[in-house]
Every structure is written in structure tokens, then in C-alpha cells.
Amino acid sequence: MTYQQSLDLAELEADIAYEKFLEAFEADEHPEILEQLNVEASIARHRYYEAYNADLAL
């Protein structure tokens, strides 16, 4: 897998995690579920930003 493919995958995973959070929020899920999905989305977005910024350091 190339660097660009890895970066694209990380971005896609972050977007999917955020979409899951939004769907749960709109469905008025339990606060604990919302918090867990929010944490997962934040971690996924952080991974994407780390991968993106690692390329800038090269």
C-alpha cells in the first residue's frame, strides 16, 4: 500500500466514524453510546492528521 493509499484510507475511516456518530446523535442514542462513538471518531481523525502531518515532515 502506498503512502497516499494509507492516507486516503485513514481519511475514509475518520469520515465513517464521524458519520456513525452523527447517525447515533440524530437517532437520540444513549449518551454513553454517543460518547464512545465520539471518542472513536476523534481517534480516527487524530490518526489521519498524524499521517498527513508525517508527510509534511519529510
N, C-alpha and C. Protein backbone atom coordinates (compact mmCIF):
# COMPACT_ATOMS: atom_id res chain seq x y z
N MET A 1 0.85 -1.16 0.00
CA MET A 1 0.00 0.00 0.00
C MET A 1 0.90 1.24 0.00
N THR A 2 0.60 2.17 -0.87
CA THR A 2 1.40 3.38 -0.94
C THR A 2 1.02 4.32 0.20
N TYR A 3 1.86 5.33 0.38
CA TYR A 3 1.57 6.33 1.41
C TYR A 3 0.24 7.01 1.14
N GLN A 4 0.01 7.38 -0.12
CA GLN A 4 -1.24 8.07 -0.47
C GLN A 4 -2.45 7.18 -0.21
N GLN A 5 -2.34 5.89 -0.49
CA GLN A 5 -3.44 4.97 -0.22
C GLN A 5 -3.69 4.87 1.27
N SER A 6 -2.63 4.83 2.06
CA SER A 6 -2.77 4.78 3.52
C SER A 6 -3.43 6.04 4.05
N LEU A 7 -3.03 7.16 3.49
CA LEU A 7 -3.62 8.43 3.90
C LEU A 7 -5.10 8.49 3.52
N ASP A 8 -5.43 8.05 2.31
CA ASP A 8 -6.82 8.02 1.88
C ASP A 8 -7.66 7.10 2.76
N LEU A 9 -7.10 5.95 3.12
CA LEU A 9 -7.81 5.01 3.99
C LEU A 9 -8.04 5.62 5.37
N ALA A 10 -7.05 6.27 5.91
CA ALA A 10 -7.20 6.91 7.22
C ALA A 10 -8.28 7.99 7.17
N GLU A 11 -8.32 8.74 6.09
CA GLU A 11 -9.35 9.77 5.95
C GLU A 11 -10.73 9.14 5.84
N LEU A 12 -10.84 8.08 5.07
CA LEU A 12 -12.12 7.39 4.92
C LEU A 12 -12.60 6.82 6.25
N GLU A 13 -11.70 6.20 7.00
CA GLU A 13 -12.07 5.64 8.31
C GLU A 13 -12.54 6.75 9.26
N ALA A 14 -11.88 7.90 9.21
CA ALA A 14 -12.28 9.02 10.06
C ALA A 14 -13.67 9.53 9.66
N ASP A 15 -13.90 9.62 8.37
CA ASP A 15 -15.21 10.07 7.89
C ASP A 15 -16.32 9.10 8.28
N ILE A 16 -16.06 7.81 8.16
CA ILE A 16 -17.06 6.80 8.51
C ILE A 16 -17.36 6.85 10.01
N ALA A 17 -16.32 6.98 10.82
CA ALA A 17 -16.51 7.05 12.27
C ALA A 17 -17.35 8.27 12.64
N TYR A 18 -17.10 9.39 11.98
CA TYR A 18 -17.86 10.59 12.27
C TYR A 18 -19.32 10.44 11.82
N GLU A 19 -19.52 9.81 10.68
CA GLU A 19 -20.89 9.57 10.20
C GLU A 19 -21.67 8.67 11.17
N LYS A 20 -21.01 7.66 11.71
CA LYS A 20 -21.67 6.79 12.70
C LYS A 20 -22.08 7.60 13.92
N PHE A 21 -21.21 8.50 14.35
CA PHE A 21 -21.53 9.35 15.49
C PHE A 21 -22.76 10.22 15.17
N LEU A 22 -22.76 10.86 14.00
CA LEU A 22 -23.88 11.72 13.64
C LEU A 22 -25.19 10.95 13.55
N GLU A 23 -25.14 9.75 12.98
CA GLU A 23 -26.35 8.92 12.88
C GLU A 23 -26.88 8.57 14.27
N ALA A 24 -25.99 8.23 15.17
CA ALA A 24 -26.41 7.90 16.53
C ALA A 24 -26.96 9.12 17.24
N PHE A 25 -26.35 10.27 17.01
CA PHE A 25 -26.82 11.51 17.62
C PHE A 25 -28.22 11.84 17.14
N GLU A 26 -28.44 11.73 15.83
CA GLU A 26 -29.74 12.03 15.25
C GLU A 26 -30.80 11.02 15.71
N ALA A 27 -30.38 9.79 16.00
CA ALA A 27 -31.31 8.76 16.47
C ALA A 27 -31.54 8.87 17.98
N ASP A 28 -30.90 9.86 18.62
CA ASP A 28 -31.05 10.09 20.05
C ASP A 28 -30.64 8.86 20.87
N GLU A 29 -29.48 8.31 20.50
CA GLU A 29 -28.95 7.15 21.23
C GLU A 29 -28.57 7.54 22.66
N HIS A 30 -28.31 6.53 23.45
CA HIS A 30 -27.92 6.71 24.85
C HIS A 30 -26.62 7.53 24.90
N PRO A 31 -26.48 8.41 25.89
CA PRO A 31 -25.28 9.25 25.98
C PRO A 31 -23.96 8.47 26.01
N GLU A 32 -23.95 7.30 26.62
CA GLU A 32 -22.71 6.51 26.66
C GLU A 32 -22.33 6.03 25.26
N ILE A 33 -23.30 5.67 24.46
CA ILE A 33 -23.03 5.25 23.09
C ILE A 33 -22.50 6.44 22.29
N LEU A 34 -23.12 7.59 22.46
CA LEU A 34 -22.65 8.78 21.77
C LEU A 34 -21.23 9.13 22.16
N GLU A 35 -20.93 9.02 23.43
CA GLU A 35 -19.57 9.33 23.89
C GLU A 35 -18.55 8.36 23.28
N GLN A 36 -18.88 7.08 23.26
CA GLN A 36 -17.98 6.09 22.69
C GLN A 36 -17.74 6.36 21.20
N LEU A 37 -18.81 6.65 20.47
CA LEU A 37 -18.67 6.93 19.04
C LEU A 37 -17.90 8.23 18.81
N ASN A 38 -18.09 9.20 19.68
CA ASN A 38 -17.34 10.44 19.58
C ASN A 38 -15.86 10.20 19.80
N VAL A 39 -15.53 9.38 20.79
CA VAL A 39 -14.13 9.05 21.06
C VAL A 39 -13.52 8.32 19.86
N GLU A 40 -14.24 7.36 19.32
CA GLU A 40 -13.74 6.62 18.16
C GLU A 40 -13.52 7.55 16.97
N ALA A 41 -14.43 8.47 16.74
CA ALA A 41 -14.29 9.43 15.64
C ALA A 41 -13.09 10.34 15.88
N SER A 42 -12.90 10.76 17.11
CA SER A 42 -11.77 11.63 17.44
C SER A 42 -10.44 10.91 17.23
N ILE A 43 -10.38 9.66 17.64
CA ILE A 43 -9.16 8.88 17.46
C ILE A 43 -8.86 8.68 15.98
N ALA A 44 -9.89 8.36 15.21
CA ALA A 44 -9.71 8.16 13.77
C ALA A 44 -9.23 9.44 13.10
N ARG A 45 -9.82 10.57 13.47
CA ARG A 45 -9.41 11.85 12.89
C ARG A 45 -7.98 12.18 13.30
N HIS A 46 -7.62 11.89 14.53
CA HIS A 46 -6.25 12.13 15.01
C HIS A 46 -5.25 11.29 14.22
N ARG A 47 -5.59 10.03 13.97
CA ARG A 47 -4.71 9.17 13.16
C ARG A 47 -4.50 9.75 11.77
N TYR A 48 -5.59 10.25 11.19
CA TYR A 48 -5.49 10.85 9.86
C TYR A 48 -4.55 12.06 9.90
N TYR A 49 -4.75 12.96 10.86
CA TYR A 49 -3.91 14.15 10.95
C TYR A 49 -2.46 13.79 11.21
N GLU A 50 -2.20 12.78 12.02
CA GLU A 50 -0.82 12.35 12.26
C GLU A 50 -0.18 11.85 10.97
N ALA A 51 -0.92 11.04 10.22
CA ALA A 51 -0.39 10.52 8.96
C ALA A 51 -0.16 11.66 7.96
N TYR A 52 -1.09 12.58 7.90
CA TYR A 52 -0.97 13.72 6.99
C TYR A 52 0.23 14.58 7.35
N ASN A 53 0.38 14.89 8.62
CA ASN A 53 1.47 15.74 9.07
C ASN A 53 2.81 15.03 9.00
N ALA A 54 2.84 13.72 9.05
CA ALA A 54 4.10 12.99 8.93
C ALA A 54 4.68 13.21 7.55
N ASP A 55 3.83 13.29 6.54
CA ASP A 55 4.29 13.53 5.18
C ASP A 55 4.91 14.92 5.07
N LEU A 56 4.37 15.88 5.76
CA LEU A 56 4.90 17.25 5.70
C LEU A 56 6.29 17.35 6.34
N ALA A 57 6.59 16.44 7.24
CA ALA A 57 7.88 16.46 7.94
C ALA A 57 8.99 15.89 7.07
N LEU A 58 8.64 15.20 6.00
CA LEU A 58 9.67 14.58 5.14
C LEU A 58 10.39 15.57 4.32
